[in-house]
Amino acid sequence: MVLSKQLWKQHELALKVLIILNLIDACATIGWVESELAYEANPLMAHLLSISPSLFLFYKILLVNLGIALLWIYRERAFARLVTIPVVAIYVAIDVYHLVNIIAVYI
């Protein structure tokens, strides 16, 4: 199936937004954990964060970007486009959660 130019651009934009949302989540997570106001729920990422925030950030960016690369490689498959929607929605929810808590704690 050949995607229309508009759908192609929308999927590309969603993946770019996902990169930004992941960076926001990673930075907020480091801030919360370093300030001891929260903990990382993912055991692997918690271990990496306990070693070094830079290591955590590197692997978080690497792993999410590998997933994004797969979604881009298989962009012509409906599944890749459909799975992008809930992934972006989940990251939006996580980042809104971070923002609400930043406002509650610091403002």
PDB file of N, CA and C in Angstrom:
ATOM      1  N   MET A   1       0.843  -1.184   0.000  1.00  0.00           N
ATOM      2  CA  MET A   1       0.000   0.000   0.000  1.00  0.00           C
ATOM      3  C   MET A   1       0.886   1.244   0.000  1.00  0.00           C
ATOM      4  N   VAL A   2       0.572   2.161  -0.866  1.00  0.00           N
ATOM      5  CA  VAL A   2       1.313   3.404  -0.938  1.00  0.00           C
ATOM      6  C   VAL A   2       0.590   4.439  -0.093  1.00  0.00           C
ATOM      7  N   LEU A   3       1.348   5.058   0.818  1.00  0.00           N
ATOM      8  CA  LEU A   3       0.757   6.055   1.700  1.00  0.00           C
ATOM      9  C   LEU A   3       0.596   7.380   0.976  1.00  0.00           C
ATOM     10  N   SER A   4      -0.469   8.073   1.309  1.00  0.00           N
ATOM     11  CA  SER A   4      -0.617   9.426   0.768  1.00  0.00           C
ATOM     12  C   SER A   4       0.463  10.300   1.403  1.00  0.00           C
ATOM     13  N   LYS A   5       0.801  11.372   0.727  1.00  0.00           N
ATOM     14  CA  LYS A   5       1.839  12.267   1.225  1.00  0.00           C
ATOM     15  C   LYS A   5       1.465  12.829   2.599  1.00  0.00           C
ATOM     16  N   GLN A   6       0.183  13.111   2.809  1.00  0.00           N
ATOM     17  CA  GLN A   6      -0.269  13.666   4.090  1.00  0.00           C
ATOM     18  C   GLN A   6      -0.093  12.645   5.217  1.00  0.00           C
ATOM     19  N   LEU A   7      -0.482  11.386   4.989  1.00  0.00           N
ATOM     20  CA  LEU A   7      -0.306  10.359   6.021  1.00  0.00           C
ATOM     21  C   LEU A   7       1.170  10.129   6.311  1.00  0.00           C
ATOM     22  N   TRP A   8       1.981  10.154   5.285  1.00  0.00           N
ATOM     23  CA  TRP A   8       3.426   9.970   5.432  1.00  0.00           C
ATOM     24  C   TRP A   8       3.993  11.060   6.342  1.00  0.00           C
ATOM     25  N   LYS A   9       3.607  12.307   6.068  1.00  0.00           N
ATOM     26  CA  LYS A   9       4.085  13.447   6.858  1.00  0.00           C
ATOM     27  C   LYS A   9       3.572  13.380   8.296  1.00  0.00           C
ATOM     28  N   GLN A  10       2.329  12.952   8.490  1.00  0.00           N
ATOM     29  CA  GLN A  10       1.770  12.839   9.837  1.00  0.00           C
ATOM     30  C   GLN A  10       2.526  11.791  10.655  1.00  0.00           C
ATOM     31  N   HIS A  11       2.833  10.670  10.030  1.00  0.00           N
ATOM     32  CA  HIS A  11       3.570   9.616  10.725  1.00  0.00           C
ATOM     33  C   HIS A  11       4.986  10.092  11.051  1.00  0.00           C
ATOM     34  N   GLU A  12       5.619  10.752  10.105  1.00  0.00           N
ATOM     35  CA  GLU A  12       6.954  11.299  10.331  1.00  0.00           C
ATOM     36  C   GLU A  12       6.933  12.309  11.485  1.00  0.00           C
ATOM     37  N   LEU A  13       5.947  13.184  11.503  1.00  0.00           N
ATOM     38  CA  LEU A  13       5.818  14.174  12.572  1.00  0.00           C
ATOM     39  C   LEU A  13       5.600  13.491  13.921  1.00  0.00           C
ATOM     40  N   ALA A  14       4.745  12.474  13.957  1.00  0.00           N
ATOM     41  CA  ALA A  14       4.487  11.753  15.206  1.00  0.00           C
ATOM     42  C   ALA A  14       5.768  11.132  15.753  1.00  0.00           C
ATOM     43  N   LEU A  15       6.606  10.586  14.882  1.00  0.00           N
ATOM     44  CA  LEU A  15       7.860   9.986  15.333  1.00  0.00           C
ATOM     45  C   LEU A  15       8.837  11.054  15.835  1.00  0.00           C
ATOM     46  N   LYS A  16       8.853  12.211  15.191  1.00  0.00           N
ATOM     47  CA  LYS A  16       9.699  13.313  15.662  1.00  0.00           C
ATOM     48  C   LYS A  16       9.223  13.813  17.024  1.00  0.00           C
ATOM     49  N   VAL A  17       7.911  13.919  17.189  1.00  0.00           N
ATOM     50  CA  VAL A  17       7.343  14.331  18.476  1.00  0.00           C
ATOM     51  C   VAL A  17       7.698  13.309  19.550  1.00  0.00           C
ATOM     52  N   LEU A  18       7.686  12.045  19.197  1.00  0.00           N
ATOM     53  CA  LEU A  18       8.035  10.984  20.142  1.00  0.00           C
ATOM     54  C   LEU A  18       9.472  11.141  20.644  1.00  0.00           C
ATOM     55  N   ILE A  19      10.381  11.541  19.781  1.00  0.00           N
ATOM     56  CA  ILE A  19      11.768  11.779  20.195  1.00  0.00           C
ATOM     57  C   ILE A  19      11.813  12.881  21.254  1.00  0.00           C
ATOM     58  N   ILE A  20      11.094  13.957  21.012  1.00  0.00           N
ATOM     59  CA  ILE A  20      11.077  15.086  21.952  1.00  0.00           C
ATOM     60  C   ILE A  20      10.421  14.680  23.271  1.00  0.00           C
ATOM     61  N   LEU A  21       9.295  13.976  23.189  1.00  0.00           N
ATOM     62  CA  LEU A  21       8.605  13.535  24.403  1.00  0.00           C
ATOM     63  C   LEU A  21       9.485  12.615  25.241  1.00  0.00           C
ATOM     64  N   ASN A  22      10.237  11.743  24.587  1.00  0.00           N
ATOM     65  CA  ASN A  22      11.147  10.851  25.296  1.00  0.00           C
ATOM     66  C   ASN A  22      12.238  11.642  26.018  1.00  0.00           C
ATOM     67  N   LEU A  23      12.769  12.666  25.366  1.00  0.00           N
ATOM     68  CA  LEU A  23      13.792  13.494  26.000  1.00  0.00           C
ATOM     69  C   LEU A  23      13.242  14.226  27.225  1.00  0.00           C
ATOM     70  N   ILE A  24      12.028  14.735  27.111  1.00  0.00           N
ATOM     71  CA  ILE A  24      11.393  15.409  28.247  1.00  0.00           C
ATOM     72  C   ILE A  24      11.213  14.424  29.398  1.00  0.00           C
ATOM     73  N   ASP A  25      10.722  13.229  29.077  1.00  0.00           N
ATOM     74  CA  ASP A  25      10.524  12.204  30.103  1.00  0.00           C
ATOM     75  C   ASP A  25      11.848  11.844  30.768  1.00  0.00           C
ATOM     76  N   ALA A  26      12.888  11.657  29.978  1.00  0.00           N
ATOM     77  CA  ALA A  26      14.187  11.267  30.522  1.00  0.00           C
ATOM     78  C   ALA A  26      14.733  12.346  31.459  1.00  0.00           C
ATOM     79  N   CYS A  27      14.686  13.589  31.020  1.00  0.00           N
ATOM     80  CA  CYS A  27      15.208  14.693  31.854  1.00  0.00           C
ATOM     81  C   CYS A  27      14.389  14.856  33.128  1.00  0.00           C
ATOM     82  N   ALA A  28      13.076  14.771  33.009  1.00  0.00           N
ATOM     83  CA  ALA A  28      12.224  14.890  34.194  1.00  0.00           C
ATOM     84  C   ALA A  28      12.479  13.740  35.161  1.00  0.00           C
ATOM     85  N   THR A  29      12.631  12.539  34.627  1.00  0.00           N
ATOM     86  CA  THR A  29      12.895  11.377  35.477  1.00  0.00           C
ATOM     87  C   THR A  29      14.202  11.551  36.234  1.00  0.00           C
ATOM     88  N   ILE A  30      15.233  11.982  35.538  1.00  0.00           N
ATOM     89  CA  ILE A  30      16.515  12.223  36.209  1.00  0.00           C
ATOM     90  C   ILE A  30      16.345  13.257  37.313  1.00  0.00           C
ATOM     91  N   GLY A  31      15.633  14.331  37.021  1.00  0.00           N
ATOM     92  CA  GLY A  31      15.404  15.368  38.023  1.00  0.00           C
ATOM     93  C   GLY A  31      14.664  14.856  39.242  1.00  0.00           C
ATOM     94  N   TRP A  32      13.601  14.094  39.031  1.00  0.00           N
ATOM     95  CA  TRP A  32      12.822  13.560  40.154  1.00  0.00           C
ATOM     96  C   TRP A  32      13.650  12.594  40.994  1.00  0.00           C
ATOM     97  N   VAL A  33      14.350  11.692  40.321  1.00  0.00           N
ATOM     98  CA  VAL A  33      15.124  10.679  41.062  1.00  0.00           C
ATOM     99  C   VAL A  33      16.303  11.320  41.787  1.00  0.00           C
ATOM    100  N   GLU A  34      16.997  12.233  41.130  1.00  0.00           N
ATOM    101  CA  GLU A  34      18.144  12.904  41.759  1.00  0.00           C
ATOM    102  C   GLU A  34      17.710  13.741  42.968  1.00  0.00           C
ATOM    103  N   SER A  35      16.502  14.296  42.906  1.00  0.00           N
ATOM    104  CA  SER A  35      16.008  15.090  44.041  1.00  0.00           C
ATOM    105  C   SER A  35      15.318  14.219  45.088  1.00  0.00           C
ATOM    106  N   GLU A  36      15.297  12.912  44.853  1.00  0.00           N
ATOM    107  CA  GLU A  36      14.706  11.922  45.757  1.00  0.00           C
ATOM    108  C   GLU A  36      13.208  12.126  45.976  1.00  0.00           C
ATOM    109  N   LEU A  37      12.536  12.664  44.966  1.00  0.00           N
ATOM    110  CA  LEU A  37      11.080  12.837  45.041  1.00  0.00           C
ATOM    111  C   LEU A  37      10.335  11.723  44.327  1.00  0.00           C
ATOM    112  N   ALA A  38      11.086  10.866  43.625  1.00  0.00           N
ATOM    113  CA  ALA A  38      10.477   9.742  42.901  1.00  0.00           C
ATOM    114  C   ALA A  38      11.551   8.688  42.672  1.00  0.00           C
ATOM    115  N   TYR A  39      11.128   7.576  42.103  1.00  0.00           N
ATOM    116  CA  TYR A  39      12.066   6.520  41.742  1.00  0.00           C
ATOM    117  C   TYR A  39      11.727   6.046  40.342  1.00  0.00           C
ATOM    118  N   GLU A  40      12.687   5.439  39.687  1.00  0.00           N
ATOM    119  CA  GLU A  40      12.469   4.872  38.356  1.00  0.00           C
ATOM    120  C   GLU A  40      11.844   3.494  38.534  1.00  0.00           C
ATOM    121  N   ALA A  41      10.679   3.282  37.937  1.00  0.00           N
ATOM    122  CA  ALA A  41       9.942   2.024  38.106  1.00  0.00           C
ATOM    123  C   ALA A  41      10.529   0.877  37.286  1.00  0.00           C
ATOM    124  N   ASN A  42      11.162   1.185  36.172  1.00  0.00           N
ATOM    125  CA  ASN A  42      11.757   0.157  35.323  1.00  0.00           C
ATOM    126  C   ASN A  42      13.076  -0.299  35.965  1.00  0.00           C
ATOM    127  N   PRO A  43      13.176  -1.575  36.357  1.00  0.00           N
ATOM    128  CA  PRO A  43      14.379  -2.035  37.069  1.00  0.00           C
ATOM    129  C   PRO A  43      15.677  -1.849  36.275  1.00  0.00           C
ATOM    130  N   LEU A  44      15.653  -2.103  34.988  1.00  0.00           N
ATOM    131  CA  LEU A  44      16.866  -1.926  34.177  1.00  0.00           C
ATOM    132  C   LEU A  44      17.270  -0.460  34.143  1.00  0.00           C
ATOM    133  N   MET A  45      16.306   0.405  33.892  1.00  0.00           N
ATOM    134  CA  MET A  45      16.613   1.833  33.819  1.00  0.00           C
ATOM    135  C   MET A  45      16.993   2.380  35.194  1.00  0.00           C
ATOM    136  N   ALA A  46      16.386   1.851  36.257  1.00  0.00           N
ATOM    137  CA  ALA A  46      16.745   2.272  37.617  1.00  0.00           C
ATOM    138  C   ALA A  46      18.203   1.921  37.910  1.00  0.00           C
ATOM    139  N   HIS A  47      18.615   0.741  37.473  1.00  0.00           N
ATOM    140  CA  HIS A  47      20.009   0.323  37.670  1.00  0.00           C
ATOM    141  C   HIS A  47      20.953   1.254  36.917  1.00  0.00           C
ATOM    142  N   LEU A  48      20.629   1.547  35.668  1.00  0.00           N
ATOM    143  CA  LEU A  48      21.467   2.451  34.877  1.00  0.00           C
ATOM    144  C   LEU A  48      21.524   3.841  35.515  1.00  0.00           C
ATOM    145  N   LEU A  49      20.392   4.304  36.006  1.00  0.00           N
ATOM    146  CA  LEU A  49      20.337   5.619  36.646  1.00  0.00           C
ATOM    147  C   LEU A  49      21.145   5.636  37.941  1.00  0.00           C
ATOM    148  N   SER A  50      21.158   4.515  38.666  1.00  0.00           N
ATOM    149  CA  SER A  50      21.952   4.459  39.900  1.00  0.00           C
ATOM    150  C   SER A  50      23.449   4.492  39.602  1.00  0.00           C
ATOM    151  N   ILE A  51      23.840   4.044  38.428  1.00  0.00           N
ATOM    152  CA  ILE A  51      25.247   4.101  38.028  1.00  0.00           C
ATOM    153  C   ILE A  51      25.612   5.520  37.597  1.00  0.00           C
ATOM    154  N   SER A  52      24.768   6.075  36.702  1.00  0.00           N
ATOM    155  CA  SER A  52      25.064   7.411  36.181  1.00  0.00           C
ATOM    156  C   SER A  52      23.857   7.957  35.424  1.00  0.00           C
ATOM    157  N   PRO A  53      23.465   9.193  35.693  1.00  0.00           N
ATOM    158  CA  PRO A  53      22.384   9.800  34.912  1.00  0.00           C
ATOM    159  C   PRO A  53      22.708   9.862  33.420  1.00  0.00           C
ATOM    160  N   SER A  54      23.976  10.060  33.099  1.00  0.00           N
ATOM    161  CA  SER A  54      24.378  10.095  31.681  1.00  0.00           C
ATOM    162  C   SER A  54      24.181   8.734  31.019  1.00  0.00           C
ATOM    163  N   LEU A  55      24.511   7.682  31.730  1.00  0.00           N
ATOM    164  CA  LEU A  55      24.326   6.328  31.207  1.00  0.00           C
ATOM    165  C   LEU A  55      22.840   6.043  31.003  1.00  0.00           C
ATOM    166  N   PHE A  56      22.044   6.420  31.981  1.00  0.00           N
ATOM    167  CA  PHE A  56      20.582   6.284  31.873  1.00  0.00           C
ATOM    168  C   PHE A  56      20.076   7.014  30.638  1.00  0.00           C
ATOM    169  N   LEU A  57      20.490   8.259  30.473  1.00  0.00           N
ATOM    170  CA  LEU A  57      20.039   9.074  29.349  1.00  0.00           C
ATOM    171  C   LEU A  57      20.474   8.452  28.024  1.00  0.00           C
ATOM    172  N   PHE A  58      21.711   7.994  27.949  1.00  0.00           N
ATOM    173  CA  PHE A  58      22.211   7.369  26.725  1.00  0.00           C
ATOM    174  C   PHE A  58      21.357   6.169  26.330  1.00  0.00           C
ATOM    175  N   TYR A  59      21.130   5.260  27.275  1.00  0.00           N
ATOM    176  CA  TYR A  59      20.371   4.048  26.954  1.00  0.00           C
ATOM    177  C   TYR A  59      18.895   4.339  26.709  1.00  0.00           C
ATOM    178  N   LYS A  60      18.325   5.288  27.408  1.00  0.00           N
ATOM    179  CA  LYS A  60      16.918   5.640  27.183  1.00  0.00           C
ATOM    180  C   LYS A  60      16.745   6.186  25.767  1.00  0.00           C
ATOM    181  N   ILE A  61      17.631   7.085  25.374  1.00  0.00           N
ATOM    182  CA  ILE A  61      17.567   7.628  24.017  1.00  0.00           C
ATOM    183  C   ILE A  61      17.824   6.525  22.990  1.00  0.00           C
ATOM    184  N   LEU A  62      18.825   5.699  23.237  1.00  0.00           N
ATOM    185  CA  LEU A  62      19.161   4.616  22.310  1.00  0.00           C
ATOM    186  C   LEU A  62      17.991   3.660  22.110  1.00  0.00           C
ATOM    187  N   LEU A  63      17.433   3.172  23.196  1.00  0.00           N
ATOM    188  CA  LEU A  63      16.369   2.164  23.093  1.00  0.00           C
ATOM    189  C   LEU A  63      15.104   2.719  22.433  1.00  0.00           C
ATOM    190  N   VAL A  64      14.697   3.906  22.834  1.00  0.00           N
ATOM    191  CA  VAL A  64      13.494   4.491  22.234  1.00  0.00           C
ATOM    192  C   VAL A  64      13.744   4.817  20.768  1.00  0.00           C
ATOM    193  N   ASN A  65      14.929   5.339  20.448  1.00  0.00           N
ATOM    194  CA  ASN A  65      15.216   5.654  19.050  1.00  0.00           C
ATOM    195  C   ASN A  65      15.320   4.404  18.182  1.00  0.00           C
ATOM    196  N   LEU A  66      15.771   3.295  18.752  1.00  0.00           N
ATOM    197  CA  LEU A  66      15.749   2.034  18.000  1.00  0.00           C
ATOM    198  C   LEU A  66      14.304   1.629  17.675  1.00  0.00           C
ATOM    199  N   GLY A  67      13.424   1.795  18.646  1.00  0.00           N
ATOM    200  CA  GLY A  67      12.004   1.517  18.403  1.00  0.00           C
ATOM    201  C   GLY A  67      11.427   2.433  17.334  1.00  0.00           C
ATOM    202  N   ILE A  68      11.789   3.697  17.403  1.00  0.00           N
ATOM    203  CA  ILE A  68      11.324   4.669  16.405  1.00  0.00           C
ATOM    204  C   ILE A  68      11.869   4.298  15.031  1.00  0.00           C
ATOM    205  N   ALA A  69      13.123   3.888  14.978  1.00  0.00           N
ATOM    206  CA  ALA A  69      13.715   3.476  13.696  1.00  0.00           C
ATOM    207  C   ALA A  69      12.952   2.300  13.096  1.00  0.00           C
ATOM    208  N   LEU A  70      12.562   1.346  13.938  1.00  0.00           N
ATOM    209  CA  LEU A  70      11.774   0.212  13.443  1.00  0.00           C
ATOM    210  C   LEU A  70      10.417   0.665  12.915  1.00  0.00           C
ATOM    211  N   LEU A  71       9.788   1.590  13.634  1.00  0.00           N
ATOM    212  CA  LEU A  71       8.501   2.108  13.162  1.00  0.00           C
ATOM    213  C   LEU A  71       8.670   2.835  11.828  1.00  0.00           C
ATOM    214  N   TRP A  72       9.801   3.492  11.642  1.00  0.00           N
ATOM    215  CA  TRP A  72      10.049   4.191  10.383  1.00  0.00           C
ATOM    216  C   TRP A  72      10.356   3.195   9.258  1.00  0.00           C
ATOM    217  N   ILE A  73      11.176   2.200   9.552  1.00  0.00           N
ATOM    218  CA  ILE A  73      11.524   1.199   8.536  1.00  0.00           C
ATOM    219  C   ILE A  73      10.263   0.496   8.027  1.00  0.00           C
ATOM    220  N   TYR A  74       9.349   0.188   8.943  1.00  0.00           N
ATOM    221  CA  TYR A  74       8.125  -0.527   8.571  1.00  0.00           C
ATOM    222  C   TYR A  74       6.926   0.410   8.422  1.00  0.00           C
ATOM    223  N   ARG A  75       7.178   1.661   8.102  1.00  0.00           N
ATOM    224  CA  ARG A  75       6.131   2.683   8.038  1.00  0.00           C
ATOM    225  C   ARG A  75       5.030   2.384   7.030  1.00  0.00           C
ATOM    226  N   GLU A  76       5.311   1.568   6.040  1.00  0.00           N
ATOM    227  CA  GLU A  76       4.281   1.255   5.052  1.00  0.00           C
ATOM    228  C   GLU A  76       3.311   0.187   5.546  1.00  0.00           C
ATOM    229  N   ARG A  77       3.637  -0.446   6.635  1.00  0.00           N
ATOM    230  CA  ARG A  77       2.744  -1.445   7.232  1.00  0.00           C
ATOM    231  C   ARG A  77       1.776  -0.737   8.182  1.00  0.00           C
ATOM    232  N   ALA A  78       0.539  -1.114   8.111  1.00  0.00           N
ATOM    233  CA  ALA A  78      -0.492  -0.475   8.935  1.00  0.00           C
ATOM    234  C   ALA A  78      -0.168  -0.597  10.418  1.00  0.00           C
ATOM    235  N   PHE A  79       0.368  -1.739  10.840  1.00  0.00           N
ATOM    236  CA  PHE A  79       0.669  -1.943  12.251  1.00  0.00           C
ATOM    237  C   PHE A  79       1.641  -0.882  12.766  1.00  0.00           C
ATOM    238  N   ALA A  80       2.665  -0.569  11.994  1.00  0.00           N
ATOM    239  CA  ALA A  80       3.659   0.423  12.431  1.00  0.00           C
ATOM    240  C   ALA A  80       3.016   1.790  12.609  1.00  0.00           C
ATOM    241  N   ARG A  81       2.116   2.136  11.728  1.00  0.00           N
ATOM    242  CA  ARG A  81       1.442   3.431  11.850  1.00  0.00           C
ATOM    243  C   ARG A  81       0.448   3.425  13.004  1.00  0.00           C
ATOM    244  N   LEU A  82      -0.264   2.318  13.165  1.00  0.00           N
ATOM    245  CA  LEU A  82      -1.272   2.242  14.229  1.00  0.00           C
ATOM    246  C   LEU A  82      -0.643   2.208  15.625  1.00  0.00           C
ATOM    247  N   VAL A  83       0.469   1.535  15.775  1.00  0.00           N
ATOM    248  CA  VAL A  83       1.093   1.439  17.098  1.00  0.00           C
ATOM    249  C   VAL A  83       1.709   2.777  17.505  1.00  0.00           C
ATOM    250  N   THR A  84       2.023   3.616  16.537  1.00  0.00           N
ATOM    251  CA  THR A  84       2.608   4.921  16.838  1.00  0.00           C
ATOM    252  C   THR A  84       1.636   5.791  17.634  1.00  0.00           C
ATOM    253  N   ILE A  85       0.355   5.682  17.348  1.00  0.00           N
ATOM    254  CA  ILE A  85      -0.650   6.530  17.997  1.00  0.00           C
ATOM    255  C   ILE A  85      -0.690   6.309  19.513  1.00  0.00           C
ATOM    256  N   PRO A  86      -0.863   5.074  19.997  1.00  0.00           N
ATOM    257  CA  PRO A  86      -0.892   4.907  21.460  1.00  0.00           C
ATOM    258  C   PRO A  86       0.453   5.178  22.125  1.00  0.00           C
ATOM    259  N   VAL A  87       1.552   4.924  21.427  1.00  0.00           N
ATOM    260  CA  VAL A  87       2.865   5.197  22.011  1.00  0.00           C
ATOM    261  C   VAL A  87       3.021   6.697  22.246  1.00  0.00           C
ATOM    262  N   VAL A  88       2.663   7.500  21.256  1.00  0.00           N
ATOM    263  CA  VAL A  88       2.731   8.953  21.421  1.00  0.00           C
ATOM    264  C   VAL A  88       1.774   9.389  22.534  1.00  0.00           C
ATOM    265  N   ALA A  89       0.580   8.824  22.570  1.00  0.00           N
ATOM    266  CA  ALA A  89      -0.398   9.184  23.608  1.00  0.00           C
ATOM    267  C   ALA A  89       0.131   8.861  25.000  1.00  0.00           C
ATOM    268  N   ILE A  90       0.790   7.731  25.143  1.00  0.00           N
ATOM    269  CA  ILE A  90       1.353   7.343  26.445  1.00  0.00           C
ATOM    270  C   ILE A  90       2.442   8.332  26.861  1.00  0.00           C
ATOM    271  N   TYR A  91       3.316   8.677  25.925  1.00  0.00           N
ATOM    272  CA  TYR A  91       4.369   9.643  26.261  1.00  0.00           C
ATOM    273  C   TYR A  91       3.801  11.024  26.565  1.00  0.00           C
ATOM    274  N   VAL A  92       2.748  11.421  25.873  1.00  0.00           N
ATOM    275  CA  VAL A  92       2.092  12.701  26.195  1.00  0.00           C
ATOM    276  C   VAL A  92       1.563  12.643  27.627  1.00  0.00           C
ATOM    277  N   ALA A  93       0.908  11.544  27.979  1.00  0.00           N
ATOM    278  CA  ALA A  93       0.363  11.396  29.333  1.00  0.00           C
ATOM    279  C   ALA A  93       1.478  11.433  30.379  1.00  0.00           C
ATOM    280  N   ILE A  94       2.576  10.748  30.112  1.00  0.00           N
ATOM    281  CA  ILE A  94       3.707  10.744  31.049  1.00  0.00           C
ATOM    282  C   ILE A  94       4.257  12.152  31.219  1.00  0.00           C
ATOM    283  N   ASP A  95       4.418  12.867  30.117  1.00  0.00           N
ATOM    284  CA  ASP A  95       4.981  14.216  30.201  1.00  0.00           C
ATOM    285  C   ASP A  95       4.016  15.199  30.858  1.00  0.00           C
ATOM    286  N   VAL A  96       2.725  15.027  30.639  1.00  0.00           N
ATOM    287  CA  VAL A  96       1.736  15.855  31.347  1.00  0.00           C
ATOM    288  C   VAL A  96       1.815  15.561  32.845  1.00  0.00           C
ATOM    289  N   TYR A  97       1.960  14.297  33.199  1.00  0.00           N
ATOM    290  CA  TYR A  97       2.122  13.901  34.599  1.00  0.00           C
ATOM    291  C   TYR A  97       3.342  14.593  35.211  1.00  0.00           C
ATOM    292  N   HIS A  98       4.461  14.580  34.493  1.00  0.00           N
ATOM    293  CA  HIS A  98       5.659  15.280  34.965  1.00  0.00           C
ATOM    294  C   HIS A  98       5.357  16.763  35.174  1.00  0.00           C
ATOM    295  N   LEU A  99       4.716  17.380  34.197  1.00  0.00           N
ATOM    296  CA  LEU A  99       4.430  18.815  34.263  1.00  0.00           C
ATOM    297  C   LEU A  99       3.521  19.154  35.441  1.00  0.00           C
ATOM    298  N   VAL A 100       2.479  18.380  35.626  1.00  0.00           N
ATOM    299  CA  VAL A 100       1.560  18.610  36.743  1.00  0.00           C
ATOM    300  C   VAL A 100       2.304  18.503  38.064  1.00  0.00           C
ATOM    301  N   ASN A 101       3.174  17.529  38.186  1.00  0.00           N
ATOM    302  CA  ASN A 101       3.927  17.349  39.426  1.00  0.00           C
ATOM    303  C   ASN A 101       4.979  18.426  39.632  1.00  0.00           C
ATOM    304  N   ILE A 102       5.570  18.902  38.562  1.00  0.00           N
ATOM    305  CA  ILE A 102       6.505  20.037  38.671  1.00  0.00           C
ATOM    306  C   ILE A 102       5.760  21.255  39.195  1.00  0.00           C
ATOM    307  N   ILE A 103       4.589  21.503  38.649  1.00  0.00           N
ATOM    308  CA  ILE A 103       3.776  22.639  39.105  1.00  0.00           C
ATOM    309  C   ILE A 103       3.384  22.461  40.572  1.00  0.00           C
ATOM    310  N   ALA A 104       2.971  21.244  40.946  1.00  0.00           N
ATOM    311  CA  ALA A 104       2.538  20.983  42.321  1.00  0.00           C
ATOM    312  C   ALA A 104       3.689  21.120  43.322  1.00  0.00           C
ATOM    313  N   VAL A 105       4.874  20.706  42.948  1.00  0.00           N
ATOM    314  CA  VAL A 105       5.997  20.708  43.886  1.00  0.00           C
ATOM    315  C   VAL A 105       6.707  22.047  43.928  1.00  0.00           C
ATOM    316  N   TYR A 106       6.888  22.669  42.785  1.00  0.00           N
ATOM    317  CA  TYR A 106       7.753  23.832  42.728  1.00  0.00           C
ATOM    318  C   TYR A 106       7.040  25.174  42.581  1.00  0.00           C
ATOM    319  N   ILE A 107       5.761  25.163  42.332  1.00  0.00           N
ATOM    320  CA  ILE A 107       5.074  26.448  42.153  1.00  0.00           C
ATOM    321  C   ILE A 107       4.041  26.638  43.237  1.00  0.00           C
TER     322      ILE A 107
END
